[in-house]
Amino acid sequence: MTLSLRHRALTAGATAVALALMSASGAVAADDPGSDVVSIIESASPALSAATAASIDVDGDAAAQGDFGGMEVSIPTDPVDQISLQTSDGAALSIGLPFADEAAHAVVEDDGVVSYDNGNGSITVPVIIDDGSLAVHTIIESADSPTRYEYPLDLMAGDTAALDPNGAIVILSADGDFQFAIGAPWARDANGANVPTRYELTGNVLTQIVDLTEAFVFPVVADPTIGGYYMASYSWNTALDRITITPTFAGGTFPSGVVATYGWIELINKTSRVNRTTYNQQFNCHAGFNTLLWAAGQTWDLEGWRVPSGPWGAISNPCNW
């Protein structure tokens, strides 16, 4: 069974071609924002629940850009140009788009949501999250669509990208400091069934491979998500000896081992007061369980008065013991 995107894709492509004739670089707003592309992403991914009202520039080189949670994000109008991210700490990453040479110019589907019709039965749909995380979705129309989606990574000098055992990609500086991570790949069909998918990393080219068969209900949505921060904010309640953490979209959805390692380092660098065993155990517990249950607005509470424990608390008692 296929839910057709053809009308939407042809409309987006025709609009972009017409725009290219009128202006060499301008993006356009979709005639019916929130229709097929947005609704398909919304049904498959939690990203839209945290999406931002991104600054839209439809006349220049950027289709969506702005500073979100300390992350400068720019989504290009021309797919040949790369998505760029830069943290307030100076880490920078540029990401090329699949089939950029053949894809149509950007269509602004909604605030912070941009699509590129690849002209081959797939549509690339970056979504900017208000904490600076970036979800780059692919809508795959049928079993005849491509199964390999390449994302060239342009790293800063000295940075290296490696495939983590948890399935994520971790980018570190020459000194071993965390720069960015790309969450473990996922893909789902129109009924919510998981579609087998994996990453290959060859040099600095990340490829998401999606194993398509006619058994799945199309469209399929696949996604790598990029994040430079794990913690959006935190606050201390001295009376309760409690720190309340709001994870970013990346911090709430990336593999638990990656969050437990690099998210914890980020947190103690922000507030060294939290660097105690009981806080660390509770943090690891939330990273292990809450990443399976992420929802917009989720917070993690860590209390200093809890006695260090093992094994960690279970889901039934929200990581308390």
C-alpha atoms as a PDB file:
ATOM      1  CA  MET A   1       0.000   0.000   0.000  1.00  0.00           C
ATOM      2  CA  THR A   2       1.342   3.460  -0.895  1.00  0.00           C
ATOM      3  CA  LEU A   3       0.146   6.842   0.288  1.00  0.00           C
ATOM      4  CA  SER A   4       0.992   8.921  -2.775  1.00  0.00           C
ATOM      5  CA  LEU A   5       3.306  11.889  -2.475  1.00  0.00           C
ATOM      6  CA  ARG A   6       3.494  12.380  -6.208  1.00  0.00           C
ATOM      7  CA  HIS A   7       1.139  15.356  -6.410  1.00  0.00           C
ATOM      8  CA  ARG A   8       2.927  17.077  -3.544  1.00  0.00           C
ATOM      9  CA  ALA A   9       6.373  16.299  -4.923  1.00  0.00           C
ATOM     10  CA  LEU A  10       5.529  17.516  -8.409  1.00  0.00           C
ATOM     11  CA  THR A  11       4.002  20.683  -6.996  1.00  0.00           C
ATOM     12  CA  ALA A  12       7.080  21.368  -4.876  1.00  0.00           C
ATOM     13  CA  GLY A  13       9.396  20.670  -7.787  1.00  0.00           C
ATOM     14  CA  ALA A  14       7.438  22.848 -10.199  1.00  0.00           C
ATOM     15  CA  THR A  15       7.361  25.672  -7.693  1.00  0.00           C
ATOM     16  CA  ALA A  16      11.098  25.472  -7.190  1.00  0.00           C
ATOM     17  CA  VAL A  17      11.782  25.415 -10.938  1.00  0.00           C
ATOM     18  CA  ALA A  18       9.576  28.446 -11.446  1.00  0.00           C
ATOM     19  CA  LEU A  19      11.385  30.217  -8.639  1.00  0.00           C
ATOM     20  CA  ALA A  20      14.759  29.388 -10.147  1.00  0.00           C
ATOM     21  CA  LEU A  21      13.703  31.098 -13.364  1.00  0.00           C
ATOM     22  CA  MET A  22      12.682  34.212 -11.444  1.00  0.00           C
ATOM     23  CA  SER A  23      15.484  34.283  -8.853  1.00  0.00           C
ATOM     24  CA  ALA A  24      18.713  32.355  -8.737  1.00  0.00           C
ATOM     25  CA  SER A  25      18.602  31.545  -5.043  1.00  0.00           C
ATOM     26  CA  GLY A  26      15.248  32.244  -3.402  1.00  0.00           C
ATOM     27  CA  ALA A  27      13.277  29.625  -1.471  1.00  0.00           C
ATOM     28  CA  VAL A  28       9.483  29.626  -1.510  1.00  0.00           C
ATOM     29  CA  ALA A  29       6.789  28.915   1.005  1.00  0.00           C
ATOM     30  CA  ALA A  30       4.645  25.875   0.286  1.00  0.00           C
ATOM     31  CA  ASP A  31       1.220  26.660  -1.161  1.00  0.00           C
ATOM     32  CA  ASP A  32      -0.382  24.502   1.533  1.00  0.00           C
ATOM     33  CA  PRO A  33       2.001  24.385   4.493  1.00  0.00           C
ATOM     34  CA  GLY A  34       1.239  21.621   6.915  1.00  0.00           C
ATOM     35  CA  SER A  35      -0.176  19.298   4.255  1.00  0.00           C
ATOM     36  CA  ASP A  36       1.420  16.045   3.081  1.00  0.00           C
ATOM     37  CA  VAL A  37       5.077  16.591   3.962  1.00  0.00           C
ATOM     38  CA  VAL A  38       4.479  17.996   7.442  1.00  0.00           C
ATOM     39  CA  SER A  39       1.744  15.538   8.346  1.00  0.00           C
ATOM     40  CA  ILE A  40       3.844  12.553   7.252  1.00  0.00           C
ATOM     41  CA  ILE A  41       6.820  13.704   9.342  1.00  0.00           C
ATOM     42  CA  GLU A  42       4.531  14.450  12.278  1.00  0.00           C
ATOM     43  CA  SER A  43       3.064  10.948  12.219  1.00  0.00           C
ATOM     44  CA  ALA A  44       6.509   9.309  12.301  1.00  0.00           C
ATOM     45  CA  SER A  45       8.777  11.584  14.339  1.00  0.00           C
ATOM     46  CA  PRO A  46       8.576  13.443  17.671  1.00  0.00           C
ATOM     47  CA  ALA A  47      10.700  16.238  16.215  1.00  0.00           C
ATOM     48  CA  LEU A  48       7.802  18.453  15.150  1.00  0.00           C
ATOM     49  CA  SER A  49       6.489  18.593  18.714  1.00  0.00           C
ATOM     50  CA  ALA A  50       9.690  20.467  19.576  1.00  0.00           C
ATOM     51  CA  ALA A  51      10.134  22.358  16.297  1.00  0.00           C
ATOM     52  CA  THR A  52      10.808  26.060  16.356  1.00  0.00           C
ATOM     53  CA  ALA A  53       9.451  29.161  14.693  1.00  0.00           C
ATOM     54  CA  ALA A  54      12.731  29.520  12.806  1.00  0.00           C
ATOM     55  CA  SER A  55      13.790  32.771  11.203  1.00  0.00           C
ATOM     56  CA  ILE A  56      12.811  32.434   7.557  1.00  0.00           C
ATOM     57  CA  ASP A  57      14.713  34.152   4.761  1.00  0.00           C
ATOM     58  CA  VAL A  58      13.062  33.315   1.441  1.00  0.00           C
ATOM     59  CA  ASP A  59      15.050  35.795  -0.624  1.00  0.00           C
ATOM     60  CA  GLY A  60      18.620  34.793   0.169  1.00  0.00           C
ATOM     61  CA  ASP A  61      20.840  31.787   0.514  1.00  0.00           C
ATOM     62  CA  ALA A  62      19.090  30.426   3.625  1.00  0.00           C
ATOM     63  CA  ALA A  63      15.627  28.890   3.704  1.00  0.00           C
ATOM     64  CA  ALA A  64      15.687  28.780   7.530  1.00  0.00           C
ATOM     65  CA  GLN A  65      18.285  30.127   9.906  1.00  0.00           C
ATOM     66  CA  GLY A  66      18.800  31.496  13.387  1.00  0.00           C
ATOM     67  CA  ASP A  67      20.342  31.031  16.823  1.00  0.00           C
ATOM     68  CA  PHE A  68      18.550  28.305  18.744  1.00  0.00           C
ATOM     69  CA  GLY A  69      19.693  27.406  22.244  1.00  0.00           C
ATOM     70  CA  GLY A  70      23.214  28.634  21.547  1.00  0.00           C
ATOM     71  CA  MET A  71      23.399  26.804  18.216  1.00  0.00           C
ATOM     72  CA  GLU A  72      23.624  28.778  14.963  1.00  0.00           C
ATOM     73  CA  VAL A  73      21.721  26.767  12.350  1.00  0.00           C
ATOM     74  CA  SER A  74      21.412  27.551   8.665  1.00  0.00           C
ATOM     75  CA  ILE A  75      19.424  25.476   6.146  1.00  0.00           C
ATOM     76  CA  PRO A  76      20.309  26.381   2.544  1.00  0.00           C
ATOM     77  CA  THR A  77      17.940  27.285  -0.256  1.00  0.00           C
ATOM     78  CA  ASP A  78      20.128  25.504  -2.806  1.00  0.00           C
ATOM     79  CA  PRO A  79      20.585  21.855  -1.763  1.00  0.00           C
ATOM     80  CA  VAL A  80      24.135  21.877  -3.147  1.00  0.00           C
ATOM     81  CA  ASP A  81      25.033  24.220  -0.297  1.00  0.00           C
ATOM     82  CA  GLN A  82      25.465  22.471   3.023  1.00  0.00           C
ATOM     83  CA  ILE A  83      23.529  22.716   6.266  1.00  0.00           C
ATOM     84  CA  SER A  84      25.737  24.477   8.790  1.00  0.00           C
ATOM     85  CA  LEU A  85      25.779  24.309  12.588  1.00  0.00           C
ATOM     86  CA  GLN A  86      27.980  26.231  15.003  1.00  0.00           C
ATOM     87  CA  THR A  87      27.877  26.140  18.789  1.00  0.00           C
ATOM     88  CA  SER A  88      28.510  29.090  21.075  1.00  0.00           C
ATOM     89  CA  ASP A  89      31.696  27.247  22.104  1.00  0.00           C
ATOM     90  CA  GLY A  90      33.018  27.503  18.544  1.00  0.00           C
ATOM     91  CA  ALA A  91      32.447  23.923  17.361  1.00  0.00           C
ATOM     92  CA  ALA A  92      31.273  23.840  13.752  1.00  0.00           C
ATOM     93  CA  LEU A  93      29.900  21.199  11.395  1.00  0.00           C
ATOM     94  CA  SER A  94      28.571  21.321   7.842  1.00  0.00           C
ATOM     95  CA  ILE A  95      26.441  18.533   6.424  1.00  0.00           C
ATOM     96  CA  GLY A  96      25.803  17.832   2.766  1.00  0.00           C
ATOM     97  CA  LEU A  97      22.388  16.638   1.604  1.00  0.00           C
ATOM     98  CA  PRO A  98      21.547  13.427  -0.271  1.00  0.00           C
ATOM     99  CA  PHE A  99      21.158  13.778  -4.052  1.00  0.00           C
ATOM    100  CA  ALA A 100      21.956  17.477  -3.776  1.00  0.00           C
ATOM    101  CA  ASP A 101      22.941  17.793  -7.441  1.00  0.00           C
ATOM    102  CA  GLU A 102      19.527  16.574  -8.606  1.00  0.00           C
ATOM    103  CA  ALA A 103      17.251  17.958  -5.880  1.00  0.00           C
ATOM    104  CA  ALA A 104      14.956  20.960  -6.296  1.00  0.00           C
ATOM    105  CA  HIS A 105      15.496  24.160  -4.348  1.00  0.00           C
ATOM    106  CA  ALA A 106      14.066  24.387  -0.848  1.00  0.00           C
ATOM    107  CA  VAL A 107      10.362  24.673  -0.135  1.00  0.00           C
ATOM    108  CA  VAL A 108       9.481  26.163   3.254  1.00  0.00           C
ATOM    109  CA  GLU A 109       6.811  23.795   4.550  1.00  0.00           C
ATOM    110  CA  ASP A 110       6.368  25.479   7.923  1.00  0.00           C
ATOM    111  CA  ASP A 111       8.434  27.541  10.356  1.00  0.00           C
ATOM    112  CA  GLY A 112      11.716  25.687  10.727  1.00  0.00           C
ATOM    113  CA  VAL A 113      10.631  22.891   8.341  1.00  0.00           C
ATOM    114  CA  VAL A 114      12.188  22.783   4.861  1.00  0.00           C
ATOM    115  CA  SER A 115      11.847  20.189   2.104  1.00  0.00           C
ATOM    116  CA  TYR A 116      13.860  19.275  -0.982  1.00  0.00           C
ATOM    117  CA  ASP A 117      12.282  17.070  -3.638  1.00  0.00           C
ATOM    118  CA  ASN A 118      15.079  14.740  -4.749  1.00  0.00           C
ATOM    119  CA  GLY A 119      13.235  13.781  -7.932  1.00  0.00           C
ATOM    120  CA  ASN A 120      13.720  10.059  -7.302  1.00  0.00           C
ATOM    121  CA  GLY A 121      10.895   9.040  -4.986  1.00  0.00           C
ATOM    122  CA  SER A 122      12.413  10.646  -1.907  1.00  0.00           C
ATOM    123  CA  ILE A 123      12.133  14.032  -0.187  1.00  0.00           C
ATOM    124  CA  THR A 124      14.669  15.398   2.311  1.00  0.00           C
ATOM    125  CA  VAL A 125      13.031  17.325   5.183  1.00  0.00           C
ATOM    126  CA  PRO A 126      15.258  19.086   7.761  1.00  0.00           C
ATOM    127  CA  VAL A 127      13.460  20.225  10.928  1.00  0.00           C
ATOM    128  CA  ILE A 128      15.076  22.726  13.315  1.00  0.00           C
ATOM    129  CA  ILE A 129      14.390  22.081  17.005  1.00  0.00           C
ATOM    130  CA  ASP A 130      14.202  25.125  19.277  1.00  0.00           C
ATOM    131  CA  ASP A 131      17.112  23.862  21.419  1.00  0.00           C
ATOM    132  CA  GLY A 132      19.455  23.717  18.409  1.00  0.00           C
ATOM    133  CA  SER A 133      19.061  20.022  17.601  1.00  0.00           C
ATOM    134  CA  LEU A 134      18.415  19.247  13.937  1.00  0.00           C
ATOM    135  CA  ALA A 135      16.411  16.311  12.582  1.00  0.00           C
ATOM    136  CA  VAL A 136      17.036  15.594   8.892  1.00  0.00           C
ATOM    137  CA  HIS A 137      14.191  13.348   7.759  1.00  0.00           C
ATOM    138  CA  THR A 138      13.814  11.499   4.501  1.00  0.00           C
ATOM    139  CA  ILE A 139      10.378  10.647   3.169  1.00  0.00           C
ATOM    140  CA  ILE A 140      10.708   7.509   1.034  1.00  0.00           C
ATOM    141  CA  GLU A 141       7.825   7.002  -1.356  1.00  0.00           C
ATOM    142  CA  SER A 142       8.065   3.361  -2.429  1.00  0.00           C
ATOM    143  CA  ALA A 143      10.142   0.194  -2.475  1.00  0.00           C
ATOM    144  CA  ASP A 144      11.617   1.472  -5.751  1.00  0.00           C
ATOM    145  CA  SER A 145      13.051   4.592  -4.080  1.00  0.00           C
ATOM    146  CA  PRO A 146      16.765   4.780  -3.261  1.00  0.00           C
ATOM    147  CA  THR A 147      17.944   2.812  -0.254  1.00  0.00           C
ATOM    148  CA  ARG A 148      21.192   4.750   0.384  1.00  0.00           C
ATOM    149  CA  TYR A 149      21.245   8.363   1.596  1.00  0.00           C
ATOM    150  CA  GLU A 150      24.661  10.031   1.811  1.00  0.00           C
ATOM    151  CA  TYR A 151      25.519  12.936   4.126  1.00  0.00           C
ATOM    152  CA  PRO A 152      29.052  14.285   3.534  1.00  0.00           C
ATOM    153  CA  LEU A 153      30.409  15.721   6.804  1.00  0.00           C
ATOM    154  CA  ASP A 154      32.645  18.779   6.634  1.00  0.00           C
ATOM    155  CA  LEU A 155      34.532  18.752   9.960  1.00  0.00           C
ATOM    156  CA  MET A 156      36.758  21.345  11.587  1.00  0.00           C
ATOM    157  CA  ALA A 157      40.489  20.717  11.341  1.00  0.00           C
ATOM    158  CA  GLY A 158      41.492  18.009  13.780  1.00  0.00           C
ATOM    159  CA  ASP A 159      37.941  16.748  14.397  1.00  0.00           C
ATOM    160  CA  THR A 160      37.177  13.082  13.798  1.00  0.00           C
ATOM    161  CA  ALA A 161      33.914  11.192  13.361  1.00  0.00           C
ATOM    162  CA  ALA A 162      33.497   7.637  14.627  1.00  0.00           C
ATOM    163  CA  LEU A 163      30.686   5.102  14.753  1.00  0.00           C
ATOM    164  CA  ASP A 164      29.739   4.485  18.386  1.00  0.00           C
ATOM    165  CA  PRO A 165      28.800   0.937  19.534  1.00  0.00           C
ATOM    166  CA  ASN A 166      25.343   2.336  20.361  1.00  0.00           C
ATOM    167  CA  GLY A 167      24.770   3.098  16.671  1.00  0.00           C
ATOM    168  CA  ALA A 168      25.381   6.845  16.855  1.00  0.00           C
ATOM    169  CA  ILE A 169      28.128   8.916  15.248  1.00  0.00           C
ATOM    170  CA  VAL A 170      30.276  10.885  17.706  1.00  0.00           C
ATOM    171  CA  ILE A 171      32.460  13.786  16.552  1.00  0.00           C
ATOM    172  CA  LEU A 172      35.384  14.689  18.820  1.00  0.00           C
ATOM    173  CA  SER A 173      38.073  17.342  18.646  1.00  0.00           C
ATOM    174  CA  ALA A 174      41.770  16.540  18.399  1.00  0.00           C
ATOM    175  CA  ASP A 175      41.896  16.881  22.194  1.00  0.00           C
ATOM    176  CA  GLY A 176      39.066  14.372  22.630  1.00  0.00           C
ATOM    177  CA  ASP A 177      36.420  16.959  23.512  1.00  0.00           C
ATOM    178  CA  PHE A 178      32.854  16.333  22.412  1.00  0.00           C
ATOM    179  CA  GLN A 179      31.788  18.457  19.422  1.00  0.00           C
ATOM    180  CA  PHE A 180      28.632  16.909  17.927  1.00  0.00           C
ATOM    181  CA  ALA A 181      26.777  13.618  17.788  1.00  0.00           C
ATOM    182  CA  ILE A 182      24.429  12.132  15.221  1.00  0.00           C
ATOM    183  CA  GLY A 183      21.815   9.912  16.802  1.00  0.00           C
ATOM    184  CA  ALA A 184      21.390   6.243  15.945  1.00  0.00           C
ATOM    185  CA  PRO A 185      19.391   5.823  12.715  1.00  0.00           C
ATOM    186  CA  TRP A 186      15.743   4.914  12.671  1.00  0.00           C
ATOM    187  CA  ALA A 187      13.124   4.366   9.973  1.00  0.00           C
ATOM    188  CA  ARG A 188       9.368   3.720  10.247  1.00  0.00           C
ATOM    189  CA  ASP A 189       6.663   2.921   7.752  1.00  0.00           C
ATOM    190  CA  ALA A 190       3.248   4.580   7.561  1.00  0.00           C
ATOM    191  CA  ASN A 191       1.841   2.110  10.110  1.00  0.00           C
ATOM    192  CA  GLY A 192       4.642   2.831  12.584  1.00  0.00           C
ATOM    193  CA  ALA A 193       6.484  -0.442  11.920  1.00  0.00           C
ATOM    194  CA  ASN A 194      10.257  -0.249  12.282  1.00  0.00           C
ATOM    195  CA  VAL A 195      12.148  -0.568   9.002  1.00  0.00           C
ATOM    196  CA  PRO A 196      15.682  -2.038   9.187  1.00  0.00           C
ATOM    197  CA  THR A 197      18.275   0.717   8.830  1.00  0.00           C
ATOM    198  CA  ARG A 198      21.924   1.313   9.648  1.00  0.00           C
ATOM    199  CA  TYR A 199      24.805   3.709   9.144  1.00  0.00           C
ATOM    200  CA  GLU A 200      27.995   3.305   7.184  1.00  0.00           C
ATOM    201  CA  LEU A 201      30.809   5.774   7.793  1.00  0.00           C
ATOM    202  CA  THR A 202      33.400   5.910   5.010  1.00  0.00           C
ATOM    203  CA  GLY A 203      35.913   8.626   5.670  1.00  0.00           C
ATOM    204  CA  ASN A 204      33.732  11.621   6.441  1.00  0.00           C
ATOM    205  CA  VAL A 205      30.743  10.450   4.419  1.00  0.00           C
ATOM    206  CA  LEU A 206      27.853   9.167   6.516  1.00  0.00           C
ATOM    207  CA  THR A 207      25.403   6.924   4.661  1.00  0.00           C
ATOM    208  CA  GLN A 208      22.048   5.844   6.041  1.00  0.00           C
ATOM    209  CA  ILE A 209      20.938   2.571   4.461  1.00  0.00           C
ATOM    210  CA  VAL A 210      17.238   1.685   4.602  1.00  0.00           C
ATOM    211  CA  ASP A 211      16.204  -1.873   3.728  1.00  0.00           C
ATOM    212  CA  LEU A 212      13.002  -1.434   1.737  1.00  0.00           C
ATOM    213  CA  THR A 213      10.574  -4.147   0.684  1.00  0.00           C
ATOM    214  CA  GLU A 214       7.006  -4.179  -0.587  1.00  0.00           C
ATOM    215  CA  ALA A 215       5.962  -5.560   2.802  1.00  0.00           C
ATOM    216  CA  PHE A 216       6.157  -2.058   4.310  1.00  0.00           C
ATOM    217  CA  VAL A 217       3.402   0.540   4.102  1.00  0.00           C
ATOM    218  CA  PHE A 218       4.717   3.615   2.336  1.00  0.00           C
ATOM    219  CA  PRO A 219       5.771   6.331   2.760  1.00  0.00           C
ATOM    220  CA  VAL A 220       8.640   5.339   5.031  1.00  0.00           C
ATOM    221  CA  VAL A 221      10.317   8.058   7.099  1.00  0.00           C
ATOM    222  CA  ALA A 222      14.002   7.783   8.042  1.00  0.00           C
ATOM    223  CA  ASP A 223      16.104  10.141  10.125  1.00  0.00           C
ATOM    224  CA  PRO A 224      19.545  11.102  11.330  1.00  0.00           C
ATOM    225  CA  THR A 225      19.345  13.752  14.091  1.00  0.00           C
ATOM    226  CA  ILE A 226      22.307  16.020  14.867  1.00  0.00           C
ATOM    227  CA  GLY A 227      22.971  17.628  18.228  1.00  0.00           C
ATOM    228  CA  GLY A 228      25.729  19.668  19.824  1.00  0.00           C
ATOM    229  CA  TYR A 229      24.241  19.932  23.310  1.00  0.00           C
ATOM    230  CA  TYR A 230      22.536  17.417  25.601  1.00  0.00           C
ATOM    231  CA  MET A 231      21.225  19.795  28.247  1.00  0.00           C
ATOM    232  CA  ALA A 232      18.914  22.679  27.290  1.00  0.00           C
ATOM    233  CA  SER A 233      18.813  24.079  30.836  1.00  0.00           C
ATOM    234  CA  TYR A 234      19.067  23.165  34.510  1.00  0.00           C
ATOM    235  CA  SER A 235      18.032  24.673  37.856  1.00  0.00           C
ATOM    236  CA  TRP A 236      18.847  23.923  41.490  1.00  0.00           C
ATOM    237  CA  ASN A 237      16.296  23.681  44.297  1.00  0.00           C
ATOM    238  CA  THR A 238      18.484  24.089  47.364  1.00  0.00           C
ATOM    239  CA  ALA A 239      15.707  23.295  49.847  1.00  0.00           C
ATOM    240  CA  LEU A 240      15.060  19.910  48.209  1.00  0.00           C
ATOM    241  CA  ASP A 241      18.731  19.316  47.302  1.00  0.00           C
ATOM    242  CA  ARG A 242      17.551  18.728  43.738  1.00  0.00           C
ATOM    243  CA  ILE A 243      18.756  19.633  40.280  1.00  0.00           C
ATOM    244  CA  THR A 244      16.122  19.663  37.534  1.00  0.00           C
ATOM    245  CA  ILE A 245      17.484  19.160  34.026  1.00  0.00           C
ATOM    246  CA  THR A 246      15.698  19.815  30.750  1.00  0.00           C
ATOM    247  CA  PRO A 247      17.381  17.669  28.077  1.00  0.00           C
ATOM    248  CA  THR A 248      17.592  18.856  24.511  1.00  0.00           C
ATOM    249  CA  PHE A 249      15.832  16.838  21.827  1.00  0.00           C
ATOM    250  CA  ALA A 250      19.201  15.180  21.200  1.00  0.00           C
ATOM    251  CA  GLY A 251      19.723  14.517  24.906  1.00  0.00           C
ATOM    252  CA  GLY A 252      16.286  12.979  25.211  1.00  0.00           C
ATOM    253  CA  THR A 253      16.435  10.726  22.153  1.00  0.00           C
ATOM    254  CA  PHE A 254      20.059   9.726  21.529  1.00  0.00           C
ATOM    255  CA  PRO A 255      21.351   6.291  22.633  1.00  0.00           C
ATOM    256  CA  SER A 256      21.633   6.037  26.399  1.00  0.00           C
ATOM    257  CA  GLY A 257      25.342   5.210  26.407  1.00  0.00           C
ATOM    258  CA  VAL A 258      26.190   8.311  24.380  1.00  0.00           C
ATOM    259  CA  VAL A 259      24.054  10.562  26.605  1.00  0.00           C
ATOM    260  CA  ALA A 260      25.371   8.990  29.810  1.00  0.00           C
ATOM    261  CA  THR A 261      28.973   9.600  28.708  1.00  0.00           C
ATOM    262  CA  TYR A 262      28.974  12.943  26.928  1.00  0.00           C
ATOM    263  CA  GLY A 263      25.852  14.445  28.473  1.00  0.00           C
ATOM    264  CA  TRP A 264      27.283  13.890  31.948  1.00  0.00           C
ATOM    265  CA  ILE A 265      30.563  15.588  31.005  1.00  0.00           C
ATOM    266  CA  GLU A 266      28.593  18.524  29.630  1.00  0.00           C
ATOM    267  CA  LEU A 267      26.527  18.771  32.822  1.00  0.00           C
ATOM    268  CA  ILE A 268      29.438  18.702  35.262  1.00  0.00           C
ATOM    269  CA  ASN A 269      31.239  21.289  33.133  1.00  0.00           C
ATOM    270  CA  LYS A 270      28.198  23.534  33.599  1.00  0.00           C
ATOM    271  CA  THR A 271      27.765  22.888  37.327  1.00  0.00           C
ATOM    272  CA  SER A 272      30.526  20.964  39.116  1.00  0.00           C
ATOM    273  CA  ARG A 273      28.308  20.748  42.202  1.00  0.00           C
ATOM    274  CA  VAL A 274      26.515  17.827  40.556  1.00  0.00           C
ATOM    275  CA  ASN A 275      29.691  15.740  40.307  1.00  0.00           C
ATOM    276  CA  ARG A 276      28.751  13.104  42.895  1.00  0.00           C
ATOM    277  CA  THR A 277      28.043   9.398  42.569  1.00  0.00           C
ATOM    278  CA  THR A 278      24.345   9.571  43.437  1.00  0.00           C
ATOM    279  CA  TYR A 279      23.693  12.310  40.883  1.00  0.00           C
ATOM    280  CA  ASN A 280      25.622  10.359  38.258  1.00  0.00           C
ATOM    281  CA  GLN A 281      23.652   7.165  38.907  1.00  0.00           C
ATOM    282  CA  GLN A 282      20.344   8.999  38.623  1.00  0.00           C
ATOM    283  CA  PHE A 283      21.519  10.748  35.461  1.00  0.00           C
ATOM    284  CA  ASN A 284      22.507   7.415  33.907  1.00  0.00           C
ATOM    285  CA  CYS A 285      19.140   5.969  34.863  1.00  0.00           C
ATOM    286  CA  HIS A 286      17.272   8.807  33.149  1.00  0.00           C
ATOM    287  CA  ALA A 287      19.536   8.515  30.122  1.00  0.00           C
ATOM    288  CA  GLY A 288      18.779   4.791  29.975  1.00  0.00           C
ATOM    289  CA  PHE A 289      15.023   4.915  30.463  1.00  0.00           C
ATOM    290  CA  ASN A 290      13.767   8.356  29.527  1.00  0.00           C
ATOM    291  CA  THR A 291      15.380   8.309  26.105  1.00  0.00           C
ATOM    292  CA  LEU A 292      12.877   5.553  25.343  1.00  0.00           C
ATOM    293  CA  LEU A 293       9.987   7.736  26.509  1.00  0.00           C
ATOM    294  CA  TRP A 294      10.997  11.202  25.340  1.00  0.00           C
ATOM    295  CA  ALA A 295       8.340  13.902  25.089  1.00  0.00           C
ATOM    296  CA  ALA A 296       8.591  17.651  24.599  1.00  0.00           C
ATOM    297  CA  GLY A 297       9.013  19.393  27.954  1.00  0.00           C
ATOM    298  CA  GLN A 298      10.454  16.328  29.674  1.00  0.00           C
ATOM    299  CA  THR A 299      12.638  17.017  32.720  1.00  0.00           C
ATOM    300  CA  TRP A 300      14.997  14.874  34.798  1.00  0.00           C
ATOM    301  CA  ASP A 301      15.132  15.347  38.584  1.00  0.00           C
ATOM    302  CA  LEU A 302      18.290  14.317  40.476  1.00  0.00           C
ATOM    303  CA  GLU A 303      18.293  14.508  44.281  1.00  0.00           C
ATOM    304  CA  GLY A 304      21.493  14.748  46.286  1.00  0.00           C
ATOM    305  CA  TRP A 305      20.036  13.105  49.384  1.00  0.00           C
ATOM    306  CA  ARG A 306      19.560   9.739  47.679  1.00  0.00           C
ATOM    307  CA  VAL A 307      22.094   7.161  48.786  1.00  0.00           C
ATOM    308  CA  PRO A 308      24.149   5.756  45.887  1.00  0.00           C
ATOM    309  CA  SER A 309      22.498   2.541  44.791  1.00  0.00           C
ATOM    310  CA  GLY A 310      22.906  -0.355  42.432  1.00  0.00           C
ATOM    311  CA  PRO A 311      21.176  -1.551  40.449  1.00  0.00           C
ATOM    312  CA  TRP A 312      19.574   1.711  39.347  1.00  0.00           C
ATOM    313  CA  GLY A 313      15.891   2.434  39.862  1.00  0.00           C
ATOM    314  CA  ALA A 314      13.356   1.136  37.381  1.00  0.00           C
ATOM    315  CA  ILE A 315      10.880   2.877  35.098  1.00  0.00           C
ATOM    316  CA  SER A 316       8.105   2.153  37.613  1.00  0.00           C
ATOM    317  CA  ASN A 317       9.676   4.515  40.138  1.00  0.00           C
ATOM    318  CA  PRO A 318      11.108   7.142  37.689  1.00  0.00           C
ATOM    319  CA  CYS A 319      14.749   6.448  38.615  1.00  0.00           C
ATOM    320  CA  ASN A 320      14.158   7.067  42.340  1.00  0.00           C
ATOM    321  CA  TRP A 321      15.135   4.604  45.092  1.00  0.00           C
END
